[in-house]
Amino acid sequence: MKINKLVTLFLLFLFFGCKSQQNYKLSQVYFDPFDGTIKNGIPKEDSLINVKDLKVNVIGIGKVAVKDNNITDLRFGHWKEFDFEGRLISEGHYKIDMHYDCGIEPSLTYYYYRVGEWKYYKKNGELDYELEFKPLNHVVDTNCGDIEMKFGVIDKIPIKYLNKVTVDKVYELQKISYSEMTFTPLNRRIHIEYIY
């Protein structure tokens, strides 16, 4: 329930938090082909946004893809994420990718994932730990059968952070929740949980 409220809030602020002067419409682009306008995980058009909570505190700052004057929820590039009290909790990069699904209506499914170095901070603002997200091929079950897709995972934990970063923490950090679903990488498979 809390995640659904956050997702709804995120989508509302995608629409109202845009800094561009153009009139954008909010949309999800999971099934709307970009026709080659995304190269190396970066879209041709983008918008810088602020994601805010119900108390109008900024809880995220970064870029999202724009398609046909529609702001999407597809994050890419450098993002800063904050807790509900406005403290920086993490920062790092996202990339956009896609996979094909041949369901009742064949479509391309776009998604974003963490990549490269991510920094995580303590409540006092000090660096807690840094982790590297490596894009690896995973298998996802679709209506077409098993399809390969890239997804960022923590390949190894630096020795100096072994006492801070548990297996449970790695599991949680690798998950990504989108407006309609959560992708969880586990054993080189992407497990999809739909949010209703």
C-alpha atoms as a PDB file:
ATOM      1  CA  MET A   1       0.000   0.000   0.000  1.00  0.00           C
ATOM      2  CA  LYS A   2       2.836   2.387   0.931  1.00  0.00           C
ATOM      3  CA  ILE A   3       4.639   1.591  -2.347  1.00  0.00           C
ATOM      4  CA  ASN A   4       1.480   2.298  -4.378  1.00  0.00           C
ATOM      5  CA  LYS A   5       1.158   5.708  -2.709  1.00  0.00           C
ATOM      6  CA  LEU A   6       4.806   6.484  -3.437  1.00  0.00           C
ATOM      7  CA  VAL A   7       4.439   5.415  -7.065  1.00  0.00           C
ATOM      8  CA  THR A   8       1.326   7.557  -7.487  1.00  0.00           C
ATOM      9  CA  LEU A   9       3.102  10.469  -5.858  1.00  0.00           C
ATOM     10  CA  PHE A  10       6.135   9.925  -8.079  1.00  0.00           C
ATOM     11  CA  LEU A  11       3.974  10.033 -11.190  1.00  0.00           C
ATOM     12  CA  LEU A  12       2.189  13.189 -10.030  1.00  0.00           C
ATOM     13  CA  PHE A  13       5.458  14.947  -9.434  1.00  0.00           C
ATOM     14  CA  LEU A  14       6.869  13.788 -12.749  1.00  0.00           C
ATOM     15  CA  PHE A  15       4.082  15.849 -14.257  1.00  0.00           C
ATOM     16  CA  PHE A  16       4.308  18.901 -11.976  1.00  0.00           C
ATOM     17  CA  GLY A  17       8.016  18.827 -11.067  1.00  0.00           C
ATOM     18  CA  CYS A  18       9.416  19.238 -14.573  1.00  0.00           C
ATOM     19  CA  LYS A  19      11.747  22.217 -15.087  1.00  0.00           C
ATOM     20  CA  SER A  20      11.224  22.480 -18.836  1.00  0.00           C
ATOM     21  CA  GLN A  21       8.982  25.180 -20.304  1.00  0.00           C
ATOM     22  CA  GLN A  22       7.329  22.762 -22.746  1.00  0.00           C
ATOM     23  CA  ASN A  23       3.927  21.283 -22.001  1.00  0.00           C
ATOM     24  CA  TYR A  24       4.577  17.643 -21.281  1.00  0.00           C
ATOM     25  CA  LYS A  25       2.048  14.930 -20.626  1.00  0.00           C
ATOM     26  CA  LEU A  26       2.800  12.193 -18.116  1.00  0.00           C
ATOM     27  CA  SER A  27       2.941   8.662 -19.456  1.00  0.00           C
ATOM     28  CA  GLN A  28       4.459   5.292 -18.884  1.00  0.00           C
ATOM     29  CA  VAL A  29       6.423   4.031 -21.832  1.00  0.00           C
ATOM     30  CA  TYR A  30       6.649   0.365 -21.070  1.00  0.00           C
ATOM     31  CA  PHE A  31       4.913  -0.517 -24.323  1.00  0.00           C
ATOM     32  CA  ASP A  32       5.605   2.507 -26.533  1.00  0.00           C
ATOM     33  CA  PRO A  33       8.595   1.950 -28.854  1.00  0.00           C
ATOM     34  CA  PHE A  34      11.252   4.654 -28.843  1.00  0.00           C
ATOM     35  CA  ASP A  35      12.194   3.778 -32.443  1.00  0.00           C
ATOM     36  CA  GLY A  36      15.947   3.928 -31.905  1.00  0.00           C
ATOM     37  CA  THR A  37      15.926   7.132 -29.851  1.00  0.00           C
ATOM     38  CA  ILE A  38      17.545   5.318 -26.887  1.00  0.00           C
ATOM     39  CA  LYS A  39      21.212   4.563 -27.484  1.00  0.00           C
ATOM     40  CA  ASN A  40      23.512   3.015 -24.882  1.00  0.00           C
ATOM     41  CA  GLY A  41      20.822   3.426 -22.218  1.00  0.00           C
ATOM     42  CA  ILE A  42      20.378   7.159 -22.883  1.00  0.00           C
ATOM     43  CA  PRO A  43      17.296   8.682 -24.590  1.00  0.00           C
ATOM     44  CA  LYS A  44      17.463  11.394 -27.227  1.00  0.00           C
ATOM     45  CA  GLU A  45      15.070  13.637 -25.223  1.00  0.00           C
ATOM     46  CA  ASP A  46      15.001  14.035 -21.458  1.00  0.00           C
ATOM     47  CA  SER A  47      13.798  16.212 -18.614  1.00  0.00           C
ATOM     48  CA  LEU A  48      15.269  16.932 -15.184  1.00  0.00           C
ATOM     49  CA  ILE A  49      12.690  16.283 -12.459  1.00  0.00           C
ATOM     50  CA  ASN A  50      12.223  16.520  -8.709  1.00  0.00           C
ATOM     51  CA  VAL A  51      10.281  13.699  -7.066  1.00  0.00           C
ATOM     52  CA  LYS A  52       8.479  14.863  -3.917  1.00  0.00           C
ATOM     53  CA  ASP A  53       6.594  13.206  -1.089  1.00  0.00           C
ATOM     54  CA  LEU A  54       3.171  14.272   0.220  1.00  0.00           C
ATOM     55  CA  LYS A  55       4.794  16.911   2.441  1.00  0.00           C
ATOM     56  CA  VAL A  56       6.483  18.375  -0.665  1.00  0.00           C
ATOM     57  CA  ASN A  57       9.945  17.212   0.438  1.00  0.00           C
ATOM     58  CA  VAL A  58      12.255  16.329  -2.451  1.00  0.00           C
ATOM     59  CA  ILE A  59      12.983  12.586  -2.322  1.00  0.00           C
ATOM     60  CA  GLY A  60      14.677  12.260  -5.732  1.00  0.00           C
ATOM     61  CA  ILE A  61      16.406  14.415  -8.341  1.00  0.00           C
ATOM     62  CA  GLY A  62      17.428  13.181 -11.779  1.00  0.00           C
ATOM     63  CA  LYS A  63      16.591  12.828 -15.447  1.00  0.00           C
ATOM     64  CA  VAL A  64      13.830  10.839 -17.121  1.00  0.00           C
ATOM     65  CA  ALA A  65      13.207   9.979 -20.764  1.00  0.00           C
ATOM     66  CA  VAL A  66      10.781  12.089 -22.793  1.00  0.00           C
ATOM     67  CA  LYS A  67       8.945  10.628 -25.799  1.00  0.00           C
ATOM     68  CA  ASP A  68       6.652  12.717 -28.036  1.00  0.00           C
ATOM     69  CA  ASN A  69       6.400  15.448 -25.344  1.00  0.00           C
ATOM     70  CA  ASN A  70       5.397  12.822 -22.762  1.00  0.00           C
ATOM     71  CA  ILE A  71       7.437  12.540 -19.594  1.00  0.00           C
ATOM     72  CA  THR A  72       8.056   8.897 -18.750  1.00  0.00           C
ATOM     73  CA  ASP A  73       9.076   7.296 -15.487  1.00  0.00           C
ATOM     74  CA  LEU A  74      12.219   5.857 -17.112  1.00  0.00           C
ATOM     75  CA  ARG A  75      15.174   7.115 -15.064  1.00  0.00           C
ATOM     76  CA  PHE A  76      18.646   7.462 -16.539  1.00  0.00           C
ATOM     77  CA  GLY A  77      21.914   9.204 -15.784  1.00  0.00           C
ATOM     78  CA  HIS A  78      22.900  10.523 -12.366  1.00  0.00           C
ATOM     79  CA  TRP A  79      20.235  10.427  -9.633  1.00  0.00           C
ATOM     80  CA  LYS A  80      20.221  11.571  -6.020  1.00  0.00           C
ATOM     81  CA  GLU A  81      17.721   9.943  -3.670  1.00  0.00           C
ATOM     82  CA  PHE A  82      16.659  11.373  -0.295  1.00  0.00           C
ATOM     83  CA  ASP A  83      14.774  10.095   2.736  1.00  0.00           C
ATOM     84  CA  PHE A  84      11.497  11.653   3.893  1.00  0.00           C
ATOM     85  CA  GLU A  85      13.422  14.126   6.042  1.00  0.00           C
ATOM     86  CA  GLY A  86      15.414  15.430   3.082  1.00  0.00           C
ATOM     87  CA  ARG A  87      18.701  13.656   3.872  1.00  0.00           C
ATOM     88  CA  LEU A  88      20.709  12.250   0.963  1.00  0.00           C
ATOM     89  CA  ILE A  89      20.599   8.447   1.209  1.00  0.00           C
ATOM     90  CA  SER A  90      22.062   7.353  -2.145  1.00  0.00           C
ATOM     91  CA  GLU A  91      23.356   8.541  -5.480  1.00  0.00           C
ATOM     92  CA  GLY A  92      24.401   6.825  -8.670  1.00  0.00           C
ATOM     93  CA  HIS A  93      23.495   6.180 -12.298  1.00  0.00           C
ATOM     94  CA  TYR A  94      20.635   4.460 -14.087  1.00  0.00           C
ATOM     95  CA  LYS A  95      20.470   3.142 -17.646  1.00  0.00           C
ATOM     96  CA  ILE A  96      17.445   2.336 -19.795  1.00  0.00           C
ATOM     97  CA  ASP A  97      17.052  -0.915 -21.700  1.00  0.00           C
ATOM     98  CA  MET A  98      14.226  -2.992 -23.140  1.00  0.00           C
ATOM     99  CA  HIS A  99      13.090  -6.525 -23.860  1.00  0.00           C
ATOM    100  CA  TYR A 100      10.507  -7.939 -26.250  1.00  0.00           C
ATOM    101  CA  ASP A 101       7.264  -9.568 -25.088  1.00  0.00           C
ATOM    102  CA  CYS A 102       5.067 -11.378 -27.626  1.00  0.00           C
ATOM    103  CA  GLY A 103       1.890 -11.524 -25.534  1.00  0.00           C
ATOM    104  CA  ILE A 104      -1.630 -10.916 -26.844  1.00  0.00           C
ATOM    105  CA  GLU A 105      -0.299  -7.622 -28.181  1.00  0.00           C
ATOM    106  CA  PRO A 106       3.459  -7.908 -28.959  1.00  0.00           C
ATOM    107  CA  SER A 107       5.425  -5.084 -27.391  1.00  0.00           C
ATOM    108  CA  LEU A 108       8.772  -3.742 -26.266  1.00  0.00           C
ATOM    109  CA  THR A 109       9.030  -3.356 -22.514  1.00  0.00           C
ATOM    110  CA  TYR A 110      11.317  -0.522 -21.391  1.00  0.00           C
ATOM    111  CA  TYR A 111      12.842  -0.452 -17.913  1.00  0.00           C
ATOM    112  CA  TYR A 112      15.741   1.143 -16.055  1.00  0.00           C
ATOM    113  CA  TYR A 113      18.410  -0.376 -13.840  1.00  0.00           C
ATOM    114  CA  ARG A 114      21.309   0.742 -11.627  1.00  0.00           C
ATOM    115  CA  VAL A 115      24.756   0.761 -13.167  1.00  0.00           C
ATOM    116  CA  GLY A 116      28.258   1.724 -12.044  1.00  0.00           C
ATOM    117  CA  GLU A 117      29.222   3.089  -8.653  1.00  0.00           C
ATOM    118  CA  TRP A 118      26.465   3.874  -6.149  1.00  0.00           C
ATOM    119  CA  LYS A 119      27.156   5.683  -2.897  1.00  0.00           C
ATOM    120  CA  TYR A 120      25.030   5.154   0.203  1.00  0.00           C
ATOM    121  CA  TYR A 121      25.033   7.612   3.102  1.00  0.00           C
ATOM    122  CA  LYS A 122      24.424   7.517   6.850  1.00  0.00           C
ATOM    123  CA  LYS A 123      21.768   9.767   8.416  1.00  0.00           C
ATOM    124  CA  ASN A 124      24.495  12.242   9.450  1.00  0.00           C
ATOM    125  CA  GLY A 125      25.522  12.689   5.789  1.00  0.00           C
ATOM    126  CA  GLU A 126      28.764  10.686   5.974  1.00  0.00           C
ATOM    127  CA  LEU A 127      29.487   8.065   3.327  1.00  0.00           C
ATOM    128  CA  ASP A 128      28.411   4.639   4.625  1.00  0.00           C
ATOM    129  CA  TYR A 129      29.518   2.419   1.723  1.00  0.00           C
ATOM    130  CA  GLU A 130      30.015   2.306  -2.057  1.00  0.00           C
ATOM    131  CA  LEU A 131      28.904  -0.546  -4.281  1.00  0.00           C
ATOM    132  CA  GLU A 132      29.407  -1.271  -7.964  1.00  0.00           C
ATOM    133  CA  PHE A 133      26.366  -2.353 -10.011  1.00  0.00           C
ATOM    134  CA  LYS A 134      27.437  -4.412 -12.984  1.00  0.00           C
ATOM    135  CA  PRO A 135      25.037  -4.869 -15.937  1.00  0.00           C
ATOM    136  CA  LEU A 136      24.699  -8.609 -16.496  1.00  0.00           C
ATOM    137  CA  ASN A 137      22.422 -10.662 -18.702  1.00  0.00           C
ATOM    138  CA  HIS A 138      19.504 -12.211 -16.850  1.00  0.00           C
ATOM    139  CA  VAL A 139      16.577 -14.307 -18.008  1.00  0.00           C
ATOM    140  CA  VAL A 140      12.989 -13.111 -17.645  1.00  0.00           C
ATOM    141  CA  ASP A 141       9.932 -15.281 -18.243  1.00  0.00           C
ATOM    142  CA  THR A 142       7.644 -13.683 -20.850  1.00  0.00           C
ATOM    143  CA  ASN A 143       4.755 -14.845 -23.011  1.00  0.00           C
ATOM    144  CA  CYS A 144       7.430 -15.727 -25.608  1.00  0.00           C
ATOM    145  CA  GLY A 145       9.270 -17.935 -23.150  1.00  0.00           C
ATOM    146  CA  ASP A 146      12.610 -17.024 -21.573  1.00  0.00           C
ATOM    147  CA  ILE A 147      14.106 -13.765 -22.867  1.00  0.00           C
ATOM    148  CA  GLU A 148      17.513 -12.281 -21.966  1.00  0.00           C
ATOM    149  CA  MET A 149      17.686  -8.783 -20.524  1.00  0.00           C
ATOM    150  CA  LYS A 150      20.403  -6.688 -18.866  1.00  0.00           C
ATOM    151  CA  PHE A 151      20.063  -5.728 -15.227  1.00  0.00           C
ATOM    152  CA  GLY A 152      22.481  -4.141 -12.772  1.00  0.00           C
ATOM    153  CA  VAL A 153      23.586  -6.347  -9.886  1.00  0.00           C
ATOM    154  CA  ILE A 154      26.171  -6.127  -7.135  1.00  0.00           C
ATOM    155  CA  ASP A 155      28.811  -8.534  -8.392  1.00  0.00           C
ATOM    156  CA  LYS A 156      30.989  -8.353  -5.281  1.00  0.00           C
ATOM    157  CA  ILE A 157      31.108  -6.536  -1.971  1.00  0.00           C
ATOM    158  CA  PRO A 158      34.367  -4.684  -1.250  1.00  0.00           C
ATOM    159  CA  ILE A 159      36.203  -6.215   1.723  1.00  0.00           C
ATOM    160  CA  LYS A 160      36.030  -2.970   3.726  1.00  0.00           C
ATOM    161  CA  TYR A 161      32.202  -3.097   3.622  1.00  0.00           C
ATOM    162  CA  LEU A 162      31.664  -6.788   4.446  1.00  0.00           C
ATOM    163  CA  ASN A 163      30.530  -5.937   7.976  1.00  0.00           C
ATOM    164  CA  LYS A 164      27.984  -3.360   6.687  1.00  0.00           C
ATOM    165  CA  VAL A 165      26.520  -4.939   3.568  1.00  0.00           C
ATOM    166  CA  THR A 166      24.637  -8.155   4.319  1.00  0.00           C
ATOM    167  CA  VAL A 167      23.133 -10.590   1.832  1.00  0.00           C
ATOM    168  CA  ASP A 168      19.679  -9.259   2.769  1.00  0.00           C
ATOM    169  CA  LYS A 169      20.828  -5.697   2.043  1.00  0.00           C
ATOM    170  CA  VAL A 170      22.217  -6.733  -1.364  1.00  0.00           C
ATOM    171  CA  TYR A 171      18.891  -8.406  -2.166  1.00  0.00           C
ATOM    172  CA  GLU A 172      16.974  -5.205  -1.289  1.00  0.00           C
ATOM    173  CA  LEU A 173      19.401  -2.830  -3.053  1.00  0.00           C
ATOM    174  CA  GLN A 174      19.232  -4.751  -6.330  1.00  0.00           C
ATOM    175  CA  LYS A 175      15.410  -4.627  -6.533  1.00  0.00           C
ATOM    176  CA  ILE A 176      13.817  -1.871  -8.579  1.00  0.00           C
ATOM    177  CA  SER A 177      10.154  -0.929  -8.244  1.00  0.00           C
ATOM    178  CA  TYR A 178       8.428   0.654 -11.196  1.00  0.00           C
ATOM    179  CA  SER A 179       4.915   2.053 -11.253  1.00  0.00           C
ATOM    180  CA  GLU A 180       3.325  -1.299 -12.099  1.00  0.00           C
ATOM    181  CA  MET A 181       5.874  -3.910 -11.064  1.00  0.00           C
ATOM    182  CA  THR A 182       9.029  -4.755  -9.125  1.00  0.00           C
ATOM    183  CA  PHE A 183      12.004  -6.455 -10.795  1.00  0.00           C
ATOM    184  CA  THR A 184      14.141  -8.600  -8.493  1.00  0.00           C
ATOM    185  CA  PRO A 185      17.305 -10.241  -9.845  1.00  0.00           C
ATOM    186  CA  LEU A 186      17.993 -13.622  -8.284  1.00  0.00           C
ATOM    187  CA  ASN A 187      20.175 -16.444  -9.642  1.00  0.00           C
ATOM    188  CA  ARG A 188      20.555 -14.684 -13.026  1.00  0.00           C
ATOM    189  CA  ARG A 189      16.761 -14.496 -13.442  1.00  0.00           C
ATOM    190  CA  ILE A 190      14.516 -11.447 -13.133  1.00  0.00           C
ATOM    191  CA  HIS A 191      11.497 -12.164 -10.979  1.00  0.00           C
ATOM    192  CA  ILE A 192       8.606  -9.802 -11.669  1.00  0.00           C
ATOM    193  CA  GLU A 193       6.091  -8.951  -8.984  1.00  0.00           C
ATOM    194  CA  TYR A 194       3.088  -6.950 -10.190  1.00  0.00           C
ATOM    195  CA  ILE A 195       1.846  -4.085  -8.007  1.00  0.00           C
ATOM    196  CA  TYR A 196      -1.928  -3.782  -7.842  1.00  0.00           C
END
